[in-house]
């Protein structure tokens, strides 16, 4: 079990696994990380990335409870603007890249 206030990211890697995650999703990943530290203190992040406008997270070892937490964070990110953290949806740019954005942050 981790000490209070310490997150799984703090314990597993000196490099921030969320460094490439957009600022609008930081609250989602911070909450996920904090909960994961208590649910699965031995877990290590094996993947944290943005793929076609969606958050993708994997840890090892995992458990059903940890997987539910990760999938919930991914689902919340899918409806949260990655720039500002407001309500968002998928937008495709003219060059085909996909981002999850709100109306104010979108390219429309």
C-alpha atoms as a PDB file:
ATOM      1  CA  UNK A   1       0.000   0.000   0.000  1.00  0.00           C
ATOM      2  CA  UNK A   2       1.316   3.427  -0.874  1.00  0.00           C
ATOM      3  CA  UNK A   3       1.639   6.247   1.626  1.00  0.00           C
ATOM      4  CA  UNK A   4      -1.261   8.717   1.640  1.00  0.00           C
ATOM      5  CA  UNK A   5      -0.856  11.318  -1.077  1.00  0.00           C
ATOM      6  CA  UNK A   6       1.593   9.233  -3.121  1.00  0.00           C
ATOM      7  CA  UNK A   7       0.364   8.110  -6.529  1.00  0.00           C
ATOM      8  CA  UNK A   8       1.219   5.075  -8.595  1.00  0.00           C
ATOM      9  CA  UNK A   9       3.049   7.302 -11.096  1.00  0.00           C
ATOM     10  CA  UNK A  10       5.232   8.608  -8.247  1.00  0.00           C
ATOM     11  CA  UNK A  11       6.127   5.068  -7.195  1.00  0.00           C
ATOM     12  CA  UNK A  12       6.728   3.374 -10.550  1.00  0.00           C
ATOM     13  CA  UNK A  13       8.757   5.669 -12.739  1.00  0.00           C
ATOM     14  CA  UNK A  14      10.743   8.859 -12.231  1.00  0.00           C
ATOM     15  CA  UNK A  15       9.526   9.987 -15.674  1.00  0.00           C
ATOM     16  CA  UNK A  16       5.951  11.300 -15.734  1.00  0.00           C
ATOM     17  CA  UNK A  17       3.890   8.653 -17.594  1.00  0.00           C
ATOM     18  CA  UNK A  18       1.328  11.384 -18.300  1.00  0.00           C
ATOM     19  CA  UNK A  19       3.768  13.874 -19.848  1.00  0.00           C
ATOM     20  CA  UNK A  20       2.188  13.559 -23.308  1.00  0.00           C
ATOM     21  CA  UNK A  21      -1.414  13.594 -22.097  1.00  0.00           C
ATOM     22  CA  UNK A  22      -3.299  16.783 -23.011  1.00  0.00           C
ATOM     23  CA  UNK A  23      -3.962  19.254 -20.199  1.00  0.00           C
ATOM     24  CA  UNK A  24      -7.747  18.848 -20.431  1.00  0.00           C
ATOM     25  CA  UNK A  25      -7.414  15.213 -19.390  1.00  0.00           C
ATOM     26  CA  UNK A  26      -4.953  15.777 -16.522  1.00  0.00           C
ATOM     27  CA  UNK A  27      -7.699  15.751 -13.850  1.00  0.00           C
ATOM     28  CA  UNK A  28      -8.960  12.411 -15.216  1.00  0.00           C
ATOM     29  CA  UNK A  29      -5.513  10.800 -15.260  1.00  0.00           C
ATOM     30  CA  UNK A  30      -4.598  12.234 -11.833  1.00  0.00           C
ATOM     31  CA  UNK A  31      -7.755  10.792 -10.247  1.00  0.00           C
ATOM     32  CA  UNK A  32      -7.193   7.467 -12.007  1.00  0.00           C
ATOM     33  CA  UNK A  33      -3.574   7.339 -10.860  1.00  0.00           C
ATOM     34  CA  UNK A  34      -4.442   8.112  -7.259  1.00  0.00           C
ATOM     35  CA  UNK A  35      -7.143   5.415  -7.133  1.00  0.00           C
ATOM     36  CA  UNK A  36      -4.918   2.901  -8.914  1.00  0.00           C
ATOM     37  CA  UNK A  37      -2.191   3.362  -6.292  1.00  0.00           C
ATOM     38  CA  UNK A  38      -4.625   2.009  -3.679  1.00  0.00           C
ATOM     39  CA  UNK A  39      -6.285  -0.660  -5.854  1.00  0.00           C
ATOM     40  CA  UNK A  40      -3.102  -2.099  -7.379  1.00  0.00           C
ATOM     41  CA  UNK A  41       0.009  -0.718  -5.664  1.00  0.00           C
ATOM     42  CA  UNK A  42       2.311  -3.152  -7.506  1.00  0.00           C
ATOM     43  CA  UNK A  43       1.024  -2.097 -10.935  1.00  0.00           C
ATOM     44  CA  UNK A  44       3.246  -0.286 -13.403  1.00  0.00           C
ATOM     45  CA  UNK A  45       2.130   1.675 -16.436  1.00  0.00           C
ATOM     46  CA  UNK A  46       3.015  -0.145 -19.645  1.00  0.00           C
ATOM     47  CA  UNK A  47       1.142   2.247 -21.927  1.00  0.00           C
ATOM     48  CA  UNK A  48      -0.306   5.740 -21.530  1.00  0.00           C
ATOM     49  CA  UNK A  49      -1.062   7.490 -24.802  1.00  0.00           C
ATOM     50  CA  UNK A  50      -3.557   9.340 -26.939  1.00  0.00           C
ATOM     51  CA  UNK A  51      -4.671   7.393 -29.993  1.00  0.00           C
ATOM     52  CA  UNK A  52      -7.118   8.913 -32.513  1.00  0.00           C
ATOM     53  CA  UNK A  53      -8.551  11.266 -29.903  1.00  0.00           C
ATOM     54  CA  UNK A  54      -8.898   8.619 -27.208  1.00  0.00           C
ATOM     55  CA  UNK A  55      -6.973   7.961 -23.997  1.00  0.00           C
ATOM     56  CA  UNK A  56      -5.380   4.496 -23.856  1.00  0.00           C
ATOM     57  CA  UNK A  57      -3.936   3.136 -20.600  1.00  0.00           C
ATOM     58  CA  UNK A  58      -2.501  -0.268 -19.682  1.00  0.00           C
ATOM     59  CA  UNK A  59      -0.849  -1.485 -16.488  1.00  0.00           C
ATOM     60  CA  UNK A  60       0.733  -4.695 -15.345  1.00  0.00           C
ATOM     61  CA  UNK A  61      -0.049  -6.632 -13.262  1.00  0.00           C
ATOM     62  CA  UNK A  62      -3.741  -5.927 -13.588  1.00  0.00           C
ATOM     63  CA  UNK A  63      -6.975  -7.044 -11.976  1.00  0.00           C
ATOM     64  CA  UNK A  64     -10.673  -6.762 -12.828  1.00  0.00           C
ATOM     65  CA  UNK A  65     -11.002  -3.787 -10.457  1.00  0.00           C
ATOM     66  CA  UNK A  66      -7.979  -2.033 -11.991  1.00  0.00           C
ATOM     67  CA  UNK A  67      -9.279  -2.691 -15.519  1.00  0.00           C
ATOM     68  CA  UNK A  68     -12.663  -1.172 -14.624  1.00  0.00           C
ATOM     69  CA  UNK A  69     -10.882   1.922 -13.296  1.00  0.00           C
ATOM     70  CA  UNK A  70      -8.763   2.284 -16.444  1.00  0.00           C
ATOM     71  CA  UNK A  71     -11.714   1.771 -18.812  1.00  0.00           C
ATOM     72  CA  UNK A  72     -13.775   4.303 -16.815  1.00  0.00           C
ATOM     73  CA  UNK A  73     -10.995   6.901 -17.167  1.00  0.00           C
ATOM     74  CA  UNK A  74     -10.767   6.191 -20.899  1.00  0.00           C
ATOM     75  CA  UNK A  75     -14.543   6.565 -21.279  1.00  0.00           C
ATOM     76  CA  UNK A  76     -14.551   9.864 -19.357  1.00  0.00           C
ATOM     77  CA  UNK A  77     -11.721  11.192 -21.532  1.00  0.00           C
ATOM     78  CA  UNK A  78     -13.681  10.245 -24.671  1.00  0.00           C
ATOM     79  CA  UNK A  79     -16.334  12.805 -23.705  1.00  0.00           C
ATOM     80  CA  UNK A  80     -13.993  15.448 -22.260  1.00  0.00           C
ATOM     81  CA  UNK A  81     -12.242  18.172 -24.261  1.00  0.00           C
ATOM     82  CA  UNK A  82      -8.550  17.353 -24.257  1.00  0.00           C
ATOM     83  CA  UNK A  83      -7.649  21.058 -24.339  1.00  0.00           C
ATOM     84  CA  UNK A  84      -9.869  22.652 -21.684  1.00  0.00           C
ATOM     85  CA  UNK A  85     -11.483  19.762 -19.760  1.00  0.00           C
ATOM     86  CA  UNK A  86     -15.038  20.756 -20.707  1.00  0.00           C
ATOM     87  CA  UNK A  87     -17.634  18.491 -22.313  1.00  0.00           C
ATOM     88  CA  UNK A  88     -16.262  17.253 -25.617  1.00  0.00           C
ATOM     89  CA  UNK A  89     -16.753  14.954 -28.567  1.00  0.00           C
ATOM     90  CA  UNK A  90     -14.644  13.564 -31.401  1.00  0.00           C
ATOM     91  CA  UNK A  91     -13.672  16.015 -34.146  1.00  0.00           C
ATOM     92  CA  UNK A  92     -11.758  15.135 -37.310  1.00  0.00           C
ATOM     93  CA  UNK A  93      -9.442  17.706 -38.863  1.00  0.00           C
ATOM     94  CA  UNK A  94      -9.189  18.280 -42.606  1.00  0.00           C
ATOM     95  CA  UNK A  95      -6.003  16.178 -42.611  1.00  0.00           C
ATOM     96  CA  UNK A  96      -7.711  13.269 -40.856  1.00  0.00           C
ATOM     97  CA  UNK A  97      -6.400  13.585 -37.294  1.00  0.00           C
ATOM     98  CA  UNK A  98      -8.991  12.992 -34.572  1.00  0.00           C
ATOM     99  CA  UNK A  99      -9.198  14.900 -31.296  1.00  0.00           C
ATOM    100  CA  UNK A 100     -11.765  15.043 -28.507  1.00  0.00           C
ATOM    101  CA  UNK A 101     -12.722  18.699 -28.204  1.00  0.00           C
ATOM    102  CA  UNK A 102     -15.511  21.023 -27.103  1.00  0.00           C
ATOM    103  CA  UNK A 103     -17.169  23.434 -29.524  1.00  0.00           C
ATOM    104  CA  UNK A 104     -14.981  26.344 -28.394  1.00  0.00           C
ATOM    105  CA  UNK A 105     -11.707  24.418 -28.852  1.00  0.00           C
ATOM    106  CA  UNK A 106     -12.689  22.645 -32.080  1.00  0.00           C
ATOM    107  CA  UNK A 107     -11.596  23.607 -35.570  1.00  0.00           C
ATOM    108  CA  UNK A 108     -15.197  24.380 -36.632  1.00  0.00           C
END
